[in-house]
Amino acid sequence: CERSSPSARRSDCAAREASTSDGWRDRPPRLVKGWSVDRASTMLEVAG
């Protein structure tokens, strides 16, 4: 939680999304899930 801080990124992203979408994207879903899949992909690539 501390090192990766997707909760902080989620808050930053939510504020940015809400301000640029007139409130329509105020609760960006799936952010942590997508982030975790992306990181798992990187882990596999680094392993070869």
All heavy atoms as atom14 arrays in JSON, in Angstrom:
{
  "sequence": "CERSSPSARRSDCAAREASTSDGWRDRPPRLVKGWSVDRASTMLEVAG",
  "atom14_mask": [
    [1, 1, 1, 1, 1, 1, 0, 0, 0, 0, 0, 0, 0, 0],
    [1, 1, 1, 1, 1, 1, 1, 1, 1, 0, 0, 0, 0, 0],
    [1, 1, 1, 1, 1, 1, 1, 1, 1, 1, 1, 0, 0, 0],
    [1, 1, 1, 1, 1, 1, 0, 0, 0, 0, 0, 0, 0, 0],
    [1, 1, 1, 1, 1, 1, 0, 0, 0, 0, 0, 0, 0, 0],
    [1, 1, 1, 1, 1, 1, 1, 0, 0, 0, 0, 0, 0, 0],
    [1, 1, 1, 1, 1, 1, 0, 0, 0, 0, 0, 0, 0, 0],
    [1, 1, 1, 1, 1, 0, 0, 0, 0, 0, 0, 0, 0, 0],
    [1, 1, 1, 1, 1, 1, 1, 1, 1, 1, 1, 0, 0, 0],
    [1, 1, 1, 1, 1, 1, 1, 1, 1, 1, 1, 0, 0, 0],
    [1, 1, 1, 1, 1, 1, 0, 0, 0, 0, 0, 0, 0, 0],
    [1, 1, 1, 1, 1, 1, 1, 1, 0, 0, 0, 0, 0, 0],
    [1, 1, 1, 1, 1, 1, 0, 0, 0, 0, 0, 0, 0, 0],
    [1, 1, 1, 1, 1, 0, 0, 0, 0, 0, 0, 0, 0, 0],
    [1, 1, 1, 1, 1, 0, 0, 0, 0, 0, 0, 0, 0, 0],
    [1, 1, 1, 1, 1, 1, 1, 1, 1, 1, 1, 0, 0, 0],
    [1, 1, 1, 1, 1, 1, 1, 1, 1, 0, 0, 0, 0, 0],
    [1, 1, 1, 1, 1, 0, 0, 0, 0, 0, 0, 0, 0, 0],
    [1, 1, 1, 1, 1, 1, 0, 0, 0, 0, 0, 0, 0, 0],
    [1, 1, 1, 1, 1, 1, 1, 0, 0, 0, 0, 0, 0, 0],
    [1, 1, 1, 1, 1, 1, 0, 0, 0, 0, 0, 0, 0, 0],
    [1, 1, 1, 1, 1, 1, 1, 1, 0, 0, 0, 0, 0, 0],
    [1, 1, 1, 1, 0, 0, 0, 0, 0, 0, 0, 0, 0, 0],
    [1, 1, 1, 1, 1, 1, 1, 1, 1, 1, 1, 1, 1, 1],
    [1, 1, 1, 1, 1, 1, 1, 1, 1, 1, 1, 0, 0, 0],
    [1, 1, 1, 1, 1, 1, 1, 1, 0, 0, 0, 0, 0, 0],
    [1, 1, 1, 1, 1, 1, 1, 1, 1, 1, 1, 0, 0, 0],
    [1, 1, 1, 1, 1, 1, 1, 0, 0, 0, 0, 0, 0, 0],
    [1, 1, 1, 1, 1, 1, 1, 0, 0, 0, 0, 0, 0, 0],
    [1, 1, 1, 1, 1, 1, 1, 1, 1, 1, 1, 0, 0, 0],
    [1, 1, 1, 1, 1, 1, 1, 1, 0, 0, 0, 0, 0, 0],
    [1, 1, 1, 1, 1, 1, 1, 0, 0, 0, 0, 0, 0, 0],
    [1, 1, 1, 1, 1, 1, 1, 1, 1, 0, 0, 0, 0, 0],
    [1, 1, 1, 1, 0, 0, 0, 0, 0, 0, 0, 0, 0, 0],
    [1, 1, 1, 1, 1, 1, 1, 1, 1, 1, 1, 1, 1, 1],
    [1, 1, 1, 1, 1, 1, 0, 0, 0, 0, 0, 0, 0, 0],
    [1, 1, 1, 1, 1, 1, 1, 0, 0, 0, 0, 0, 0, 0],
    [1, 1, 1, 1, 1, 1, 1, 1, 0, 0, 0, 0, 0, 0],
    [1, 1, 1, 1, 1, 1, 1, 1, 1, 1, 1, 0, 0, 0],
    [1, 1, 1, 1, 1, 0, 0, 0, 0, 0, 0, 0, 0, 0],
    [1, 1, 1, 1, 1, 1, 0, 0, 0, 0, 0, 0, 0, 0],
    [1, 1, 1, 1, 1, 1, 1, 0, 0, 0, 0, 0, 0, 0],
    [1, 1, 1, 1, 1, 1, 1, 1, 0, 0, 0, 0, 0, 0],
    [1, 1, 1, 1, 1, 1, 1, 1, 0, 0, 0, 0, 0, 0],
    [1, 1, 1, 1, 1, 1, 1, 1, 1, 0, 0, 0, 0, 0],
    [1, 1, 1, 1, 1, 1, 1, 0, 0, 0, 0, 0, 0, 0],
    [1, 1, 1, 1, 1, 0, 0, 0, 0, 0, 0, 0, 0, 0],
    [1, 1, 1, 1, 0, 0, 0, 0, 0, 0, 0, 0, 0, 0]
  ],
  "atom14_positions": [
    [[0.83, -1.2, 0.0], [0.0, 0.0, 0.0], [0.87, 1.25, 0.0], [0.63, 2.17, -0.76], [-0.91, -0.03, 1.22], [-2.19, 1.22, 1.21], [0.0, 0.0, 0.0], [0.0, 0.0, 0.0], [0.0, 0.0, 0.0], [0.0, 0.0, 0.0], [0.0, 0.0, 0.0], [0.0, 0.0, 0.0], [0.0, 0.0, 0.0], [0.0, 0.0, 0.0]],
    [[1.87, 1.29, 0.85], [2.73, 2.46, 0.95], [3.6, 2.64, -0.3], [3.7, 3.72, -0.84], [3.64, 2.35, 2.17], [2.9, 2.41, 3.49], [3.81, 2.07, 4.65], [5.02, 1.87, 4.44], [3.31, 1.97, 5.77], [0.0, 0.0, 0.0], [0.0, 0.0, 0.0], [0.0, 0.0, 0.0], [0.0, 0.0, 0.0], [0.0, 0.0, 0.0]],
    [[4.22, 1.54, -0.73], [5.18, 1.61, -1.83], [4.47, 1.88, -3.17], [4.9, 2.69, -3.96], [5.95, 0.3, -1.9], [7.02, 0.24, -2.96], [7.8, -1.07, -2.9], [6.97, -2.23, -3.09], [6.75, -3.17, -2.15], [7.31, -3.08, -0.97], [5.99, -4.2, -2.39], [0.0, 0.0, 0.0], [0.0, 0.0, 0.0], [0.0, 0.0, 0.0]],
    [[3.38, 1.19, -3.39], [2.71, 1.29, -4.69], [1.65, 2.37, -4.7], [1.38, 2.96, -5.72], [2.08, -0.05, -5.03], [3.06, -1.06, -4.98], [0.0, 0.0, 0.0], [0.0, 0.0, 0.0], [0.0, 0.0, 0.0], [0.0, 0.0, 0.0], [0.0, 0.0, 0.0], [0.0, 0.0, 0.0], [0.0, 0.0, 0.0], [0.0, 0.0, 0.0]],
    [[1.03, 2.58, -3.58], [0.05, 3.63, -3.37], [-0.98, 3.82, -4.48], [-1.21, 4.92, -4.92], [0.76, 4.95, -3.11], [-0.15, 5.89, -2.65], [0.0, 0.0, 0.0], [0.0, 0.0, 0.0], [0.0, 0.0, 0.0], [0.0, 0.0, 0.0], [0.0, 0.0, 0.0], [0.0, 0.0, 0.0], [0.0, 0.0, 0.0], [0.0, 0.0, 0.0]],
    [[-1.62, 2.73, -4.96], [-2.68, 2.95, -5.95], [-3.85, 3.7, -5.35], [-4.58, 4.37, -6.05], [-3.08, 1.56, -6.4], [-2.59, 0.65, -5.36], [-1.42, 1.32, -4.71], [0.0, 0.0, 0.0], [0.0, 0.0, 0.0], [0.0, 0.0, 0.0], [0.0, 0.0, 0.0], [0.0, 0.0, 0.0], [0.0, 0.0, 0.0], [0.0, 0.0, 0.0]],
    [[-4.01, 3.63, -4.01], [-5.11, 4.39, -3.42], [-4.86, 5.88, -3.59], [-5.77, 6.65, -3.88], [-5.29, 4.03, -1.94], [-4.09, 4.26, -1.23], [0.0, 0.0, 0.0], [0.0, 0.0, 0.0], [0.0, 0.0, 0.0], [0.0, 0.0, 0.0], [0.0, 0.0, 0.0], [0.0, 0.0, 0.0], [0.0, 0.0, 0.0], [0.0, 0.0, 0.0]],
    [[-3.62, 6.31, -3.44], [-3.29, 7.72, -3.67], [-3.44, 8.05, -5.15], [-3.99, 9.09, -5.52], [-1.88, 8.01, -3.2], [0.0, 0.0, 0.0], [0.0, 0.0, 0.0], [0.0, 0.0, 0.0], [0.0, 0.0, 0.0], [0.0, 0.0, 0.0], [0.0, 0.0, 0.0], [0.0, 0.0, 0.0], [0.0, 0.0, 0.0], [0.0, 0.0, 0.0]],
    [[-2.96, 7.15, -6.01], [-3.1, 7.38, -7.45], [-4.57, 7.41, -7.83], [-4.99, 8.17, -8.68], [-2.39, 6.29, -8.24], [-0.9, 6.4, -8.14], [-0.24, 5.37, -9.02], [1.15, 5.3, -8.68], [1.87, 4.21, -8.74], [1.34, 3.08, -9.14], [3.14, 4.22, -8.42], [0.0, 0.0, 0.0], [0.0, 0.0, 0.0], [0.0, 0.0, 0.0]],
    [[-5.36, 6.54, -7.17], [-6.79, 6.5, -7.46], [-7.42, 7.84, -7.1], [-8.23, 8.38, -7.84], [-7.46, 5.36, -6.7], [-8.94, 5.28, -6.98], [-9.56, 4.05, -6.37], [-9.24, 3.96, -4.97], [-9.46, 2.89, -4.24], [-9.95, 1.81, -4.79], [-9.17, 2.87, -2.97], [0.0, 0.0, 0.0], [0.0, 0.0, 0.0], [0.0, 0.0, 0.0]],
    [[-7.04, 8.42, -5.95], [-7.57, 9.72, -5.55], [-7.18, 10.8, -6.54], [-8.0, 11.62, -6.94], [-7.07, 10.09, -4.15], [-7.54, 9.17, -3.22], [0.0, 0.0, 0.0], [0.0, 0.0, 0.0], [0.0, 0.0, 0.0], [0.0, 0.0, 0.0], [0.0, 0.0, 0.0], [0.0, 0.0, 0.0], [0.0, 0.0, 0.0], [0.0, 0.0, 0.0]],
    [[-5.88, 10.83, -6.92], [-5.42, 11.81, -7.9], [-6.14, 11.63, -9.22], [-6.58, 12.59, -9.85], [-3.92, 11.67, -8.14], [-3.09, 12.07, -6.93], [-3.64, 12.72, -6.02], [-1.9, 11.71, -6.89], [0.0, 0.0, 0.0], [0.0, 0.0, 0.0], [0.0, 0.0, 0.0], [0.0, 0.0, 0.0], [0.0, 0.0, 0.0], [0.0, 0.0, 0.0]],
    [[-6.25, 10.37, -9.65], [-6.91, 10.07, -10.92], [-8.38, 10.46, -10.85], [-8.92, 11.03, -11.79], [-6.76, 8.58, -11.23], [-7.45, 8.1, -12.81], [0.0, 0.0, 0.0], [0.0, 0.0, 0.0], [0.0, 0.0, 0.0], [0.0, 0.0, 0.0], [0.0, 0.0, 0.0], [0.0, 0.0, 0.0], [0.0, 0.0, 0.0], [0.0, 0.0, 0.0]],
    [[-9.04, 10.16, -9.74], [-10.46, 10.48, -9.61], [-10.69, 11.98, -9.72], [-11.62, 12.43, -10.4], [-10.99, 9.96, -8.27], [0.0, 0.0, 0.0], [0.0, 0.0, 0.0], [0.0, 0.0, 0.0], [0.0, 0.0, 0.0], [0.0, 0.0, 0.0], [0.0, 0.0, 0.0], [0.0, 0.0, 0.0], [0.0, 0.0, 0.0], [0.0, 0.0, 0.0]],
    [[-9.85, 12.75, -9.06], [-9.99, 14.21, -9.12], [-9.78, 14.7, -10.54], [-10.54, 15.53, -11.05], [-9.0, 14.87, -8.18], [0.0, 0.0, 0.0], [0.0, 0.0, 0.0], [0.0, 0.0, 0.0], [0.0, 0.0, 0.0], [0.0, 0.0, 0.0], [0.0, 0.0, 0.0], [0.0, 0.0, 0.0], [0.0, 0.0, 0.0], [0.0, 0.0, 0.0]],
    [[-8.75, 14.18, -11.21], [-8.46, 14.58, -12.6], [-9.59, 14.16, -13.53], [-10.06, 14.94, -14.35], [-7.13, 13.97, -13.03], [-6.67, 14.42, -14.39], [-5.25, 13.97, -14.72], [-5.02, 12.56, -14.54], [-4.32, 12.02, -13.53], [-3.78, 12.78, -12.61], [-4.16, 10.72, -13.43], [0.0, 0.0, 0.0], [0.0, 0.0, 0.0], [0.0, 0.0, 0.0]],
    [[-10.06, 12.93, -13.39], [-11.13, 12.42, -14.24], [-12.41, 13.22, -14.03], [-13.09, 13.57, -14.98], [-11.4, 10.94, -13.95], [-10.29, 10.02, -14.39], [-10.25, 9.82, -15.89], [-11.31, 9.87, -16.53], [-9.17, 9.63, -16.42], [0.0, 0.0, 0.0], [0.0, 0.0, 0.0], [0.0, 0.0, 0.0], [0.0, 0.0, 0.0], [0.0, 0.0, 0.0]],
    [[-12.75, 13.5, -12.78], [-13.98, 14.26, -12.5], [-13.9, 15.65, -13.08], [-14.88, 16.15, -13.66], [-14.21, 14.31, -11.0], [0.0, 0.0, 0.0], [0.0, 0.0, 0.0], [0.0, 0.0, 0.0], [0.0, 0.0, 0.0], [0.0, 0.0, 0.0], [0.0, 0.0, 0.0], [0.0, 0.0, 0.0], [0.0, 0.0, 0.0], [0.0, 0.0, 0.0]],
    [[-12.74, 16.29, -12.98], [-12.62, 17.67, -13.47], [-12.61, 17.74, -14.99], [-13.06, 18.73, -15.56], [-11.37, 18.33, -12.89], [-10.21, 17.75, -13.43], [0.0, 0.0, 0.0], [0.0, 0.0, 0.0], [0.0, 0.0, 0.0], [0.0, 0.0, 0.0], [0.0, 0.0, 0.0], [0.0, 0.0, 0.0], [0.0, 0.0, 0.0], [0.0, 0.0, 0.0]],
    [[-12.11, 16.72, -15.67], [-12.03, 16.76, -17.13], [-13.22, 16.11, -17.82], [-13.31, 16.15, -19.03], [-10.74, 16.08, -17.64], [-10.76, 14.71, -17.23], [-9.51, 16.78, -17.11], [0.0, 0.0, 0.0], [0.0, 0.0, 0.0], [0.0, 0.0, 0.0], [0.0, 0.0, 0.0], [0.0, 0.0, 0.0], [0.0, 0.0, 0.0], [0.0, 0.0, 0.0]],
    [[-14.13, 15.52, -17.05], [-15.26, 14.82, -17.67], [-16.6, 15.37, -17.22], [-17.62, 14.71, -17.36], [-15.18, 13.33, -17.37], [-15.42, 13.12, -15.98], [0.0, 0.0, 0.0], [0.0, 0.0, 0.0], [0.0, 0.0, 0.0], [0.0, 0.0, 0.0], [0.0, 0.0, 0.0], [0.0, 0.0, 0.0], [0.0, 0.0, 0.0], [0.0, 0.0, 0.0]],
    [[-16.59, 16.57, -16.61], [-17.81, 17.18, -16.11], [-18.51, 16.26, -15.11], [-19.73, 16.2, -15.05], [-18.74, 17.54, -17.28], [-19.87, 18.48, -16.85], [-19.67, 19.25, -15.89], [-20.95, 18.41, -17.47], [0.0, 0.0, 0.0], [0.0, 0.0, 0.0], [0.0, 0.0, 0.0], [0.0, 0.0, 0.0], [0.0, 0.0, 0.0], [0.0, 0.0, 0.0]],
    [[-17.71, 15.51, -14.35], [-18.27, 14.67, -13.3], [-18.69, 13.28, -13.73], [-19.02, 12.44, -12.9], [0.0, 0.0, 0.0], [0.0, 0.0, 0.0], [0.0, 0.0, 0.0], [0.0, 0.0, 0.0], [0.0, 0.0, 0.0], [0.0, 0.0, 0.0], [0.0, 0.0, 0.0], [0.0, 0.0, 0.0], [0.0, 0.0, 0.0], [0.0, 0.0, 0.0]],
    [[-18.68, 12.99, -15.02], [-19.16, 11.68, -15.48], [-18.23, 10.54, -15.09], [-18.66, 9.41, -14.97], [-19.36, 11.68, -16.99], [-20.64, 12.35, -17.34], [-20.78, 13.59, -17.88], [-21.96, 11.86, -17.12], [-22.11, 13.89, -18.03], [-22.86, 12.85, -17.57], [-22.48, 10.68, -16.59], [-24.23, 12.69, -17.5], [-23.85, 10.53, -16.52], [-24.71, 11.52, -16.97]],
    [[-16.96, 10.81, -14.9], [-16.04, 9.75, -14.51], [-15.52, 10.04, -13.1], [-14.33, 10.05, -12.85], [-14.9, 9.64, -15.51], [-15.37, 9.12, -16.84], [-14.23, 8.95, -17.77], [-13.71, 10.26, -18.14], [-12.81, 10.48, -19.06], [-12.32, 9.49, -19.72], [-12.39, 11.69, -19.34], [0.0, 0.0, 0.0], [0.0, 0.0, 0.0], [0.0, 0.0, 0.0]],
    [[-16.44, 10.25, -12.19], [-16.09, 10.62, -10.82], [-15.6, 9.43, -10.0], [-14.93, 9.6, -9.01], [-17.31, 11.26, -10.15], [-16.99, 11.81, -8.79], [-15.91, 12.39, -8.64], [-17.82, 11.65, -7.89], [0.0, 0.0, 0.0], [0.0, 0.0, 0.0], [0.0, 0.0, 0.0], [0.0, 0.0, 0.0], [0.0, 0.0, 0.0], [0.0, 0.0, 0.0]],
    [[-15.97, 8.21, -10.4], [-15.54, 7.01, -9.66], [-14.9, 6.04, -10.61], [-15.53, 5.1, -11.06], [-16.76, 6.36, -9.01], [-17.47, 7.26, -8.04], [-18.71, 6.56, -7.54], [-19.52, 7.51, -6.79], [-20.59, 7.21, -6.12], [-21.01, 5.98, -6.09], [-21.26, 8.13, -5.47], [0.0, 0.0, 0.0], [0.0, 0.0, 0.0], [0.0, 0.0, 0.0]],
    [[-13.63, 6.26, -10.95], [-13.02, 5.37, -11.95], [-12.95, 3.94, -11.44], [-12.23, 3.66, -10.49], [-11.63, 5.95, -12.16], [-11.37, 6.82, -11.0], [-12.69, 7.25, -10.46], [0.0, 0.0, 0.0], [0.0, 0.0, 0.0], [0.0, 0.0, 0.0], [0.0, 0.0, 0.0], [0.0, 0.0, 0.0], [0.0, 0.0, 0.0], [0.0, 0.0, 0.0]],
    [[-13.72, 3.04, -12.02], [-13.72, 1.66, -11.57], [-12.49, 0.92, -12.04], [-11.82, 1.33, -12.97], [-14.99, 1.09, -12.21], [-15.15, 1.89, -13.46], [-14.64, 3.28, -13.12], [0.0, 0.0, 0.0], [0.0, 0.0, 0.0], [0.0, 0.0, 0.0], [0.0, 0.0, 0.0], [0.0, 0.0, 0.0], [0.0, 0.0, 0.0], [0.0, 0.0, 0.0]],
    [[-12.2, -0.16, -11.38], [-11.22, -1.12, -11.86], [-9.79, -0.63, -11.87], [-8.92, -1.27, -12.44], [-11.61, -1.58, -13.27], [-13.03, -2.04, -13.37], [-13.55, -1.89, -14.76], [-12.75, -2.52, -15.74], [-12.92, -3.75, -16.15], [-13.86, -4.48, -15.65], [-12.14, -4.26, -17.07], [0.0, 0.0, 0.0], [0.0, 0.0, 0.0], [0.0, 0.0, 0.0]],
    [[-9.52, 0.51, -11.28], [-8.17, 1.06, -11.37], [-7.14, 0.13, -10.75], [-6.11, -0.14, -11.35], [-8.14, 2.44, -10.7], [-6.9, 3.25, -10.97], [-6.81, 3.61, -12.44], [-6.91, 4.51, -10.13], [0.0, 0.0, 0.0], [0.0, 0.0, 0.0], [0.0, 0.0, 0.0], [0.0, 0.0, 0.0], [0.0, 0.0, 0.0], [0.0, 0.0, 0.0]],
    [[-7.41, -0.37, -9.57], [-6.46, -1.25, -8.9], [-6.3, -2.56, -9.66], [-5.2, -3.06, -9.82], [-6.87, -1.49, -7.43], [-6.03, -2.59, -6.8], [-6.74, -0.2, -6.63], [0.0, 0.0, 0.0], [0.0, 0.0, 0.0], [0.0, 0.0, 0.0], [0.0, 0.0, 0.0], [0.0, 0.0, 0.0], [0.0, 0.0, 0.0], [0.0, 0.0, 0.0]],
    [[-7.41, -3.09, -10.16], [-7.34, -4.36, -10.89], [-6.49, -4.2, -12.15], [-5.6, -5.02, -12.42], [-8.74, -4.86, -11.23], [-8.75, -6.27, -11.72], [-10.11, -6.92, -11.69], [-11.22, -6.07, -12.16], [-11.98, -6.61, -13.27], [0.0, 0.0, 0.0], [0.0, 0.0, 0.0], [0.0, 0.0, 0.0], [0.0, 0.0, 0.0], [0.0, 0.0, 0.0]],
    [[-6.73, -3.16, -12.92], [-5.94, -2.91, -14.12], [-4.48, -2.67, -13.81], [-3.58, -3.18, -14.49], [0.0, 0.0, 0.0], [0.0, 0.0, 0.0], [0.0, 0.0, 0.0], [0.0, 0.0, 0.0], [0.0, 0.0, 0.0], [0.0, 0.0, 0.0], [0.0, 0.0, 0.0], [0.0, 0.0, 0.0], [0.0, 0.0, 0.0], [0.0, 0.0, 0.0]],
    [[-4.23, -1.91, -12.75], [-2.86, -1.64, -12.29], [-2.16, -2.94, -11.9], [-1.01, -3.16, -12.25], [-2.93, -0.66, -11.13], [-1.7, -0.55, -10.31], [-0.56, 0.15, -10.6], [-1.47, -1.13, -9.02], [0.35, 0.02, -9.58], [-0.19, -0.75, -8.6], [-2.25, -1.94, -8.18], [0.35, -1.15, -7.38], [-1.72, -2.34, -6.97], [-0.43, -1.94, -6.59]],
    [[-2.88, -3.82, -11.2], [-2.25, -5.07, -10.75], [-1.95, -6.0, -11.93], [-0.92, -6.69, -11.93], [-3.11, -5.77, -9.7], [-4.32, -6.24, -10.26], [0.0, 0.0, 0.0], [0.0, 0.0, 0.0], [0.0, 0.0, 0.0], [0.0, 0.0, 0.0], [0.0, 0.0, 0.0], [0.0, 0.0, 0.0], [0.0, 0.0, 0.0], [0.0, 0.0, 0.0]],
    [[-2.82, -6.02, -12.93], [-2.58, -6.83, -14.13], [-1.38, -6.28, -14.91], [-0.53, -7.04, -15.39], [-3.84, -6.9, -15.01], [-3.55, -7.53, -16.37], [-4.94, -7.67, -14.3], [0.0, 0.0, 0.0], [0.0, 0.0, 0.0], [0.0, 0.0, 0.0], [0.0, 0.0, 0.0], [0.0, 0.0, 0.0], [0.0, 0.0, 0.0], [0.0, 0.0, 0.0]],
    [[-1.29, -4.96, -15.0], [-0.16, -4.34, -15.68], [1.15, -4.7, -14.97], [2.14, -5.05, -15.61], [-0.36, -2.83, -15.73], [0.73, -2.13, -16.5], [0.93, -2.45, -17.69], [1.4, -1.25, -15.92], [0.0, 0.0, 0.0], [0.0, 0.0, 0.0], [0.0, 0.0, 0.0], [0.0, 0.0, 0.0], [0.0, 0.0, 0.0], [0.0, 0.0, 0.0]],
    [[1.14, -4.63, -13.65], [2.36, -4.97, -12.89], [2.7, -6.45, -13.05], [3.87, -6.81, -13.2], [2.16, -4.61, -11.42], [3.24, -5.12, -10.52], [4.03, -4.02, -9.87], [5.13, -4.56, -9.12], [5.21, -4.54, -7.79], [4.27, -3.98, -7.08], [6.24, -5.06, -7.18], [0.0, 0.0, 0.0], [0.0, 0.0, 0.0], [0.0, 0.0, 0.0]],
    [[1.71, -7.33, -13.03], [1.95, -8.76, -13.23], [2.56, -9.02, -14.61], [3.46, -9.85, -14.76], [0.65, -9.56, -13.06], [0.0, 0.0, 0.0], [0.0, 0.0, 0.0], [0.0, 0.0, 0.0], [0.0, 0.0, 0.0], [0.0, 0.0, 0.0], [0.0, 0.0, 0.0], [0.0, 0.0, 0.0], [0.0, 0.0, 0.0], [0.0, 0.0, 0.0]],
    [[2.08, -8.28, -15.61], [2.63, -8.39, -16.96], [4.11, -8.01, -16.96], [4.94, -8.71, -17.56], [1.84, -7.46, -17.89], [2.45, -7.37, -19.14], [0.0, 0.0, 0.0], [0.0, 0.0, 0.0], [0.0, 0.0, 0.0], [0.0, 0.0, 0.0], [0.0, 0.0, 0.0], [0.0, 0.0, 0.0], [0.0, 0.0, 0.0], [0.0, 0.0, 0.0]],
    [[4.44, -6.93, -16.28], [5.84, -6.5, -16.19], [6.68, -7.55, -15.48], [7.81, -7.83, -15.89], [5.93, -5.14, -15.46], [5.19, -4.18, -16.23], [7.37, -4.68, -15.32], [0.0, 0.0, 0.0], [0.0, 0.0, 0.0], [0.0, 0.0, 0.0], [0.0, 0.0, 0.0], [0.0, 0.0, 0.0], [0.0, 0.0, 0.0], [0.0, 0.0, 0.0]],
    [[6.14, -8.13, -14.42], [6.86, -9.18, -13.69], [7.19, -10.35, -14.61], [8.31, -10.88, -14.58], [6.03, -9.67, -12.49], [5.85, -8.63, -11.41], [4.63, -9.13, -10.16], [5.53, -10.46, -9.34], [0.0, 0.0, 0.0], [0.0, 0.0, 0.0], [0.0, 0.0, 0.0], [0.0, 0.0, 0.0], [0.0, 0.0, 0.0], [0.0, 0.0, 0.0]],
    [[6.22, -10.76, -15.42], [6.46, -11.88, -16.34], [7.5, -11.51, -17.39], [8.38, -12.31, -17.71], [5.15, -12.3, -17.02], [4.15, -13.04, -16.14], [2.85, -13.28, -16.91], [4.74, -14.36, -15.65], [0.0, 0.0, 0.0], [0.0, 0.0, 0.0], [0.0, 0.0, 0.0], [0.0, 0.0, 0.0], [0.0, 0.0, 0.0], [0.0, 0.0, 0.0]],
    [[7.4, -10.3, -17.93], [8.37, -9.86, -18.93], [9.79, -9.82, -18.37], [10.73, -10.26, -19.02], [7.97, -8.49, -19.49], [6.74, -8.56, -20.37], [6.21, -7.19, -20.77], [6.6, -6.17, -20.16], [5.4, -7.15, -21.71], [0.0, 0.0, 0.0], [0.0, 0.0, 0.0], [0.0, 0.0, 0.0], [0.0, 0.0, 0.0], [0.0, 0.0, 0.0]],
    [[9.93, -9.31, -17.16], [11.25, -9.24, -16.52], [11.81, -10.66, -16.3], [13.01, -10.89, -16.42], [11.17, -8.46, -15.18], [12.42, -8.64, -14.34], [10.92, -6.98, -15.46], [0.0, 0.0, 0.0], [0.0, 0.0, 0.0], [0.0, 0.0, 0.0], [0.0, 0.0, 0.0], [0.0, 0.0, 0.0], [0.0, 0.0, 0.0], [0.0, 0.0, 0.0]],
    [[10.92, -11.61, -16.03], [11.35, -13.0, -15.82], [11.65, -13.72, -17.14], [12.12, -14.86, -17.13], [10.27, -13.77, -15.04], [0.0, 0.0, 0.0], [0.0, 0.0, 0.0], [0.0, 0.0, 0.0], [0.0, 0.0, 0.0], [0.0, 0.0, 0.0], [0.0, 0.0, 0.0], [0.0, 0.0, 0.0], [0.0, 0.0, 0.0], [0.0, 0.0, 0.0]],
    [[11.37, -13.04, -18.27], [11.7, -13.64, -19.56], [10.53, -14.11, -20.39], [10.71, -14.63, -21.49], [0.0, 0.0, 0.0], [0.0, 0.0, 0.0], [0.0, 0.0, 0.0], [0.0, 0.0, 0.0], [0.0, 0.0, 0.0], [0.0, 0.0, 0.0], [0.0, 0.0, 0.0], [0.0, 0.0, 0.0], [0.0, 0.0, 0.0], [0.0, 0.0, 0.0]]
  ]
}
